[in-house]
Amino acid sequence: MDKQQTIIEKGDTQALLSHVELEEQILAEIFAIQKTMDPMEELYRTVALTSEKGDGEIAELKSTLEGLKQEAAARSERNKDLLSKRMAEIQGELKGLRGNPYAARPSIYSGDAPSMIDLKG
């Protein structure tokens, strides 16, 4: 996710696509772990009859996962803003190219080329 900002600035679409797919996989894994946390916590308490130390470890794990989730969401939002700015820049460049007076005119060298040559003279 850290490299995604530089990739956006460079405009490398393939690398950006692979980073976005990786980010989606990471978020899916975080959500999968969070779904299993409550049943595992209950199982842990039932089997081990944990002390307050055990409860603290579970709370620490939950807070770490929540922190990772929030960090990933914040980076994703920041990269989304960067990508929107980059897209606006590219759209401005395209509009500038469309306004080029030479782009609409055909080249003087692109005229019809002769297709037959008179060899007899």
N, C-alpha and C. Protein backbone atom coordinates (compact mmCIF):
# COMPACT_ATOMS: atom_id res chain seq x y z
N MET A 1 0.82 -1.20 0.00
CA MET A 1 0.00 0.00 0.00
C MET A 1 0.86 1.26 0.00
N ASP A 2 2.05 1.14 0.59
CA ASP A 2 2.93 2.30 0.63
C ASP A 2 3.40 2.69 -0.77
N LYS A 3 3.65 1.70 -1.61
CA LYS A 3 4.17 1.96 -2.96
C LYS A 3 3.08 2.46 -3.90
N GLN A 4 1.84 2.31 -3.52
CA GLN A 4 0.73 2.67 -4.40
C GLN A 4 0.74 4.16 -4.74
N GLN A 5 1.16 4.99 -3.82
CA GLN A 5 1.20 6.43 -4.07
C GLN A 5 2.18 6.75 -5.20
N THR A 6 3.37 6.16 -5.17
CA THR A 6 4.35 6.42 -6.23
C THR A 6 3.90 5.83 -7.56
N ILE A 7 3.20 4.71 -7.51
CA ILE A 7 2.70 4.09 -8.74
C ILE A 7 1.64 4.99 -9.38
N ILE A 8 0.79 5.58 -8.57
CA ILE A 8 -0.24 6.49 -9.08
C ILE A 8 0.42 7.70 -9.74
N GLU A 9 1.44 8.24 -9.09
CA GLU A 9 2.13 9.41 -9.63
C GLU A 9 2.85 9.09 -10.93
N LYS A 10 3.39 7.87 -11.04
CA LYS A 10 4.07 7.46 -12.27
C LYS A 10 3.08 7.15 -13.39
N GLY A 11 1.89 6.68 -13.02
CA GLY A 11 0.88 6.35 -14.01
C GLY A 11 1.01 4.93 -14.55
N ASP A 12 1.66 4.04 -13.81
CA ASP A 12 1.83 2.65 -14.23
C ASP A 12 0.54 1.88 -13.90
N THR A 13 -0.29 1.68 -14.92
CA THR A 13 -1.61 1.09 -14.68
C THR A 13 -1.55 -0.38 -14.29
N GLN A 14 -0.63 -1.14 -14.88
CA GLN A 14 -0.55 -2.57 -14.54
C GLN A 14 -0.13 -2.77 -13.08
N ALA A 15 0.86 -2.01 -12.65
CA ALA A 15 1.30 -2.12 -11.26
C ALA A 15 0.21 -1.66 -10.31
N LEU A 16 -0.51 -0.62 -10.70
CA LEU A 16 -1.61 -0.12 -9.88
C LEU A 16 -2.70 -1.17 -9.74
N LEU A 17 -3.02 -1.84 -10.84
CA LEU A 17 -4.03 -2.89 -10.81
C LEU A 17 -3.62 -4.02 -9.88
N SER A 18 -2.36 -4.44 -9.95
CA SER A 18 -1.90 -5.52 -9.08
C SER A 18 -1.92 -5.10 -7.61
N HIS A 19 -1.60 -3.83 -7.33
CA HIS A 19 -1.63 -3.35 -5.94
C HIS A 19 -3.06 -3.26 -5.42
N VAL A 20 -3.99 -2.85 -6.26
CA VAL A 20 -5.38 -2.77 -5.84
C VAL A 20 -5.92 -4.17 -5.54
N GLU A 21 -5.57 -5.14 -6.38
CA GLU A 21 -6.01 -6.52 -6.14
C GLU A 21 -5.41 -7.06 -4.84
N LEU A 22 -4.15 -6.75 -4.58
CA LEU A 22 -3.50 -7.18 -3.35
C LEU A 22 -4.16 -6.53 -2.14
N GLU A 23 -4.50 -5.25 -2.26
CA GLU A 23 -5.17 -4.54 -1.17
C GLU A 23 -6.53 -5.17 -0.87
N GLU A 24 -7.26 -5.53 -1.91
CA GLU A 24 -8.56 -6.18 -1.71
C GLU A 24 -8.39 -7.52 -1.00
N GLN A 25 -7.35 -8.27 -1.34
CA GLN A 25 -7.10 -9.55 -0.69
C GLN A 25 -6.76 -9.35 0.79
N ILE A 26 -5.96 -8.33 1.08
CA ILE A 26 -5.59 -8.05 2.47
C ILE A 26 -6.83 -7.70 3.28
N LEU A 27 -7.69 -6.83 2.74
CA LEU A 27 -8.91 -6.47 3.45
C LEU A 27 -9.83 -7.67 3.65
N ALA A 28 -9.91 -8.53 2.65
CA ALA A 28 -10.73 -9.73 2.78
C ALA A 28 -10.20 -10.64 3.89
N GLU A 29 -8.88 -10.76 3.98
CA GLU A 29 -8.27 -11.57 5.05
C GLU A 29 -8.54 -10.97 6.42
N ILE A 30 -8.47 -9.65 6.54
CA ILE A 30 -8.75 -8.99 7.82
C ILE A 30 -10.19 -9.25 8.24
N PHE A 31 -11.12 -9.12 7.30
CA PHE A 31 -12.53 -9.36 7.61
C PHE A 31 -12.76 -10.83 7.98
N ALA A 32 -12.07 -11.75 7.31
CA ALA A 32 -12.21 -13.16 7.63
C ALA A 32 -11.72 -13.44 9.05
N ILE A 33 -10.61 -12.84 9.43
CA ILE A 33 -10.08 -13.03 10.79
C ILE A 33 -11.05 -12.43 11.80
N GLN A 34 -11.60 -11.26 11.49
CA GLN A 34 -12.53 -10.62 12.42
C GLN A 34 -13.80 -11.46 12.60
N LYS A 35 -14.25 -12.14 11.56
CA LYS A 35 -15.44 -12.98 11.68
C LYS A 35 -15.20 -14.16 12.62
N THR A 36 -13.97 -14.64 12.65
CA THR A 36 -13.68 -15.80 13.50
C THR A 36 -13.27 -15.40 14.92
N MET A 37 -13.07 -14.13 15.15
CA MET A 37 -12.60 -13.69 16.47
C MET A 37 -13.59 -13.99 17.59
N ASP A 38 -14.85 -13.67 17.42
CA ASP A 38 -15.83 -13.87 18.49
C ASP A 38 -15.99 -15.34 18.87
N PRO A 39 -16.19 -16.25 17.89
CA PRO A 39 -16.27 -17.66 18.28
C PRO A 39 -14.98 -18.18 18.92
N MET A 40 -13.84 -17.73 18.42
CA MET A 40 -12.57 -18.17 19.01
C MET A 40 -12.40 -17.61 20.42
N GLU A 41 -12.83 -16.40 20.64
CA GLU A 41 -12.74 -15.80 21.97
C GLU A 41 -13.60 -16.59 22.96
N GLU A 42 -14.81 -16.93 22.53
CA GLU A 42 -15.70 -17.68 23.40
C GLU A 42 -15.12 -19.07 23.69
N LEU A 43 -14.57 -19.70 22.67
CA LEU A 43 -13.95 -21.01 22.84
C LEU A 43 -12.75 -20.92 23.77
N TYR A 44 -11.96 -19.90 23.60
CA TYR A 44 -10.78 -19.69 24.43
C TYR A 44 -11.17 -19.52 25.90
N ARG A 45 -12.20 -18.76 26.13
CA ARG A 45 -12.66 -18.54 27.52
C ARG A 45 -13.25 -19.80 28.11
N THR A 46 -13.98 -20.55 27.30
CA THR A 46 -14.61 -21.76 27.81
C THR A 46 -13.59 -22.84 28.14
N VAL A 47 -12.67 -23.07 27.25
CA VAL A 47 -11.71 -24.16 27.42
C VAL A 47 -10.63 -23.79 28.45
N ALA A 48 -10.07 -22.63 28.35
CA ALA A 48 -8.92 -22.28 29.17
C ALA A 48 -9.30 -21.60 30.47
N LEU A 49 -10.54 -21.18 30.61
CA LEU A 49 -10.97 -20.43 31.78
C LEU A 49 -9.92 -19.35 32.08
N THR A 50 -9.80 -18.46 31.13
CA THR A 50 -8.69 -17.50 31.12
C THR A 50 -8.75 -16.54 32.29
N SER A 51 -7.59 -16.04 32.57
CA SER A 51 -7.47 -14.99 33.57
C SER A 51 -7.58 -13.65 32.85
N GLU A 52 -7.33 -12.57 33.59
CA GLU A 52 -7.40 -11.25 32.97
C GLU A 52 -6.31 -11.08 31.93
N LYS A 53 -5.18 -11.79 32.10
CA LYS A 53 -4.11 -11.72 31.11
C LYS A 53 -4.60 -12.24 29.77
N GLY A 54 -5.32 -13.33 29.78
CA GLY A 54 -5.87 -13.90 28.55
C GLY A 54 -6.86 -12.95 27.90
N ASP A 55 -7.69 -12.32 28.71
CA ASP A 55 -8.64 -11.34 28.16
C ASP A 55 -7.90 -10.17 27.54
N GLY A 56 -6.81 -9.78 28.15
CA GLY A 56 -6.00 -8.68 27.62
C GLY A 56 -5.39 -9.02 26.28
N GLU A 57 -4.96 -10.28 26.13
CA GLU A 57 -4.39 -10.71 24.85
C GLU A 57 -5.43 -10.69 23.75
N ILE A 58 -6.63 -11.11 24.08
CA ILE A 58 -7.71 -11.09 23.09
C ILE A 58 -8.07 -9.67 22.73
N ALA A 59 -8.15 -8.82 23.72
CA ALA A 59 -8.47 -7.41 23.46
C ALA A 59 -7.36 -6.76 22.62
N GLU A 60 -6.12 -7.12 22.90
CA GLU A 60 -5.00 -6.58 22.12
C GLU A 60 -5.07 -7.04 20.67
N LEU A 61 -5.39 -8.30 20.47
CA LEU A 61 -5.52 -8.83 19.11
C LEU A 61 -6.65 -8.13 18.36
N LYS A 62 -7.77 -7.95 19.04
CA LYS A 62 -8.90 -7.25 18.42
C LYS A 62 -8.53 -5.82 18.05
N SER A 63 -7.87 -5.13 18.95
CA SER A 63 -7.50 -3.73 18.68
C SER A 63 -6.47 -3.65 17.56
N THR A 64 -5.56 -4.62 17.49
CA THR A 64 -4.58 -4.65 16.40
C THR A 64 -5.27 -4.84 15.05
N LEU A 65 -6.21 -5.77 15.01
CA LEU A 65 -6.96 -5.99 13.76
C LEU A 65 -7.76 -4.76 13.37
N GLU A 66 -8.38 -4.13 14.33
CA GLU A 66 -9.16 -2.92 14.04
C GLU A 66 -8.24 -1.81 13.54
N GLY A 67 -7.06 -1.70 14.15
CA GLY A 67 -6.08 -0.70 13.70
C GLY A 67 -5.63 -0.95 12.26
N LEU A 68 -5.36 -2.23 11.94
CA LEU A 68 -4.97 -2.57 10.57
C LEU A 68 -6.08 -2.24 9.58
N LYS A 69 -7.29 -2.54 9.98
CA LYS A 69 -8.44 -2.25 9.12
C LYS A 69 -8.58 -0.76 8.88
N GLN A 70 -8.46 0.03 9.93
CA GLN A 70 -8.57 1.49 9.79
C GLN A 70 -7.42 2.06 8.96
N GLU A 71 -6.22 1.54 9.17
CA GLU A 71 -5.07 2.02 8.41
C GLU A 71 -5.23 1.70 6.92
N ALA A 72 -5.68 0.49 6.62
CA ALA A 72 -5.90 0.11 5.23
C ALA A 72 -6.98 0.97 4.59
N ALA A 73 -8.04 1.24 5.32
CA ALA A 73 -9.12 2.09 4.78
C ALA A 73 -8.63 3.51 4.56
N ALA A 74 -7.82 4.03 5.48
CA ALA A 74 -7.30 5.40 5.32
C ALA A 74 -6.35 5.50 4.13
N ARG A 75 -5.48 4.52 3.98
CA ARG A 75 -4.57 4.52 2.83
C ARG A 75 -5.33 4.37 1.53
N SER A 76 -6.33 3.53 1.54
CA SER A 76 -7.14 3.36 0.34
C SER A 76 -7.83 4.65 -0.05
N GLU A 77 -8.36 5.36 0.93
CA GLU A 77 -9.03 6.64 0.67
C GLU A 77 -8.03 7.68 0.14
N ARG A 78 -6.84 7.71 0.75
CA ARG A 78 -5.82 8.66 0.31
C ARG A 78 -5.38 8.36 -1.12
N ASN A 79 -5.18 7.08 -1.44
CA ASN A 79 -4.79 6.69 -2.79
C ASN A 79 -5.91 6.94 -3.79
N LYS A 80 -7.13 6.80 -3.34
CA LYS A 80 -8.28 7.10 -4.20
C LYS A 80 -8.28 8.58 -4.57
N ASP A 81 -8.00 9.45 -3.59
CA ASP A 81 -7.92 10.89 -3.87
C ASP A 81 -6.79 11.20 -4.83
N LEU A 82 -5.62 10.57 -4.62
CA LEU A 82 -4.49 10.77 -5.53
C LEU A 82 -4.82 10.33 -6.94
N LEU A 83 -5.51 9.21 -7.04
CA LEU A 83 -5.89 8.69 -8.35
C LEU A 83 -6.88 9.61 -9.03
N SER A 84 -7.80 10.17 -8.28
CA SER A 84 -8.76 11.13 -8.85
C SER A 84 -8.05 12.37 -9.37
N LYS A 85 -7.07 12.87 -8.61
CA LYS A 85 -6.30 14.04 -9.05
C LYS A 85 -5.53 13.72 -10.32
N ARG A 86 -4.92 12.54 -10.36
CA ARG A 86 -4.16 12.14 -11.54
C ARG A 86 -5.07 12.01 -12.76
N MET A 87 -6.25 11.47 -12.57
CA MET A 87 -7.20 11.35 -13.67
C MET A 87 -7.62 12.72 -14.17
N ALA A 88 -7.82 13.67 -13.27
CA ALA A 88 -8.17 15.04 -13.67
C ALA A 88 -7.04 15.67 -14.47
N GLU A 89 -5.80 15.42 -14.07
CA GLU A 89 -4.65 15.93 -14.82
C GLU A 89 -4.62 15.36 -16.23
N ILE A 90 -4.85 14.08 -16.34
CA ILE A 90 -4.83 13.42 -17.65
C ILE A 90 -5.96 13.95 -18.52
N GLN A 91 -7.14 14.14 -17.93
CA GLN A 91 -8.26 14.70 -18.70
C GLN A 91 -7.94 16.11 -19.19
N GLY A 92 -7.26 16.90 -18.36
CA GLY A 92 -6.84 18.25 -18.78
C GLY A 92 -5.86 18.19 -19.93
N GLU A 93 -4.92 17.23 -19.87
CA GLU A 93 -3.97 17.06 -20.96
C GLU A 93 -4.68 16.67 -22.25
N LEU A 94 -5.67 15.78 -22.14
CA LEU A 94 -6.42 15.37 -23.33
C LEU A 94 -7.19 16.54 -23.94
N LYS A 95 -7.79 17.35 -23.08
CA LYS A 95 -8.50 18.53 -23.59
C LYS A 95 -7.54 19.48 -24.29
N GLY A 96 -6.34 19.61 -23.75
CA GLY A 96 -5.32 20.45 -24.37
C GLY A 96 -4.92 19.93 -25.74
N LEU A 97 -4.85 18.61 -25.87
CA LEU A 97 -4.50 18.02 -27.16
C LEU A 97 -5.61 18.20 -28.18
N ARG A 98 -6.84 18.15 -27.72
CA ARG A 98 -7.98 18.35 -28.64
C ARG A 98 -8.04 19.78 -29.14
N GLY A 99 -7.56 20.71 -28.35
CA GLY A 99 -7.58 22.11 -28.75
C GLY A 99 -6.42 22.49 -29.66
N ASN A 100 -5.54 21.56 -29.97
CA ASN A 100 -4.40 21.81 -30.83
C ASN A 100 -4.88 22.06 -32.26
N PRO A 101 -4.60 23.24 -32.85
CA PRO A 101 -5.10 23.52 -34.20
C PRO A 101 -4.45 22.65 -35.27
N TYR A 102 -3.28 22.11 -34.99
CA TYR A 102 -2.59 21.28 -35.98
C TYR A 102 -3.09 19.84 -35.96
N ALA A 103 -3.76 19.45 -34.92
CA ALA A 103 -4.23 18.07 -34.82
C ALA A 103 -5.38 17.80 -35.78
N ALA A 104 -6.20 18.79 -36.08
CA ALA A 104 -7.36 18.59 -36.95
C ALA A 104 -6.98 18.64 -38.43
N ARG A 105 -5.91 19.32 -38.76
CA ARG A 105 -5.49 19.45 -40.16
C ARG A 105 -4.73 18.21 -40.62
N PRO A 106 -4.98 17.81 -41.84
CA PRO A 106 -4.15 16.73 -42.38
C PRO A 106 -2.76 17.26 -42.75
N SER A 107 -1.79 16.43 -42.65
CA SER A 107 -0.43 16.81 -42.98
C SER A 107 -0.30 17.06 -44.47
N ILE A 108 0.57 17.97 -44.85
CA ILE A 108 0.77 18.21 -46.27
C ILE A 108 1.47 17.02 -46.93
N TYR A 109 2.08 16.18 -46.13
CA TYR A 109 2.78 15.01 -46.66
C TYR A 109 1.88 13.78 -46.72
N SER A 110 0.67 13.90 -46.26
CA SER A 110 -0.21 12.73 -46.25
C SER A 110 -1.16 12.72 -47.44
N GLY A 111 -0.86 13.45 -48.48
CA GLY A 111 -1.71 13.49 -49.67
C GLY A 111 -1.69 12.16 -50.40
N ASP A 112 -2.48 12.08 -51.47
CA ASP A 112 -2.55 10.86 -52.25
C ASP A 112 -1.23 10.63 -52.97
N ALA A 113 -0.65 9.50 -52.77
CA ALA A 113 0.60 9.15 -53.43
C ALA A 113 0.27 8.50 -54.77
N PRO A 114 1.10 8.73 -55.77
CA PRO A 114 0.82 8.10 -57.07
C PRO A 114 0.87 6.59 -56.91
N SER A 115 -0.01 5.93 -57.64
CA SER A 115 -0.09 4.47 -57.54
C SER A 115 0.52 3.80 -58.75
N MET A 116 0.71 4.56 -59.87
CA MET A 116 1.29 3.96 -61.09
C MET A 116 2.42 4.85 -61.58
N ILE A 117 3.40 4.23 -62.14
CA ILE A 117 4.53 4.97 -62.68
C ILE A 117 4.60 4.70 -64.20
N ASP A 118 4.77 5.76 -64.96
CA ASP A 118 4.87 5.63 -66.43
C ASP A 118 6.31 5.35 -66.78
N LEU A 119 6.62 4.11 -67.15
CA LEU A 119 8.00 3.73 -67.46
C LEU A 119 8.40 4.04 -68.90
N LYS A 120 7.44 4.18 -69.81
CA LYS A 120 7.75 4.41 -71.21
C LYS A 120 8.07 5.86 -71.48
N GLY A 121 7.65 6.73 -70.65
CA GLY A 121 8.00 8.13 -70.79
C GLY A 121 6.98 8.92 -71.40
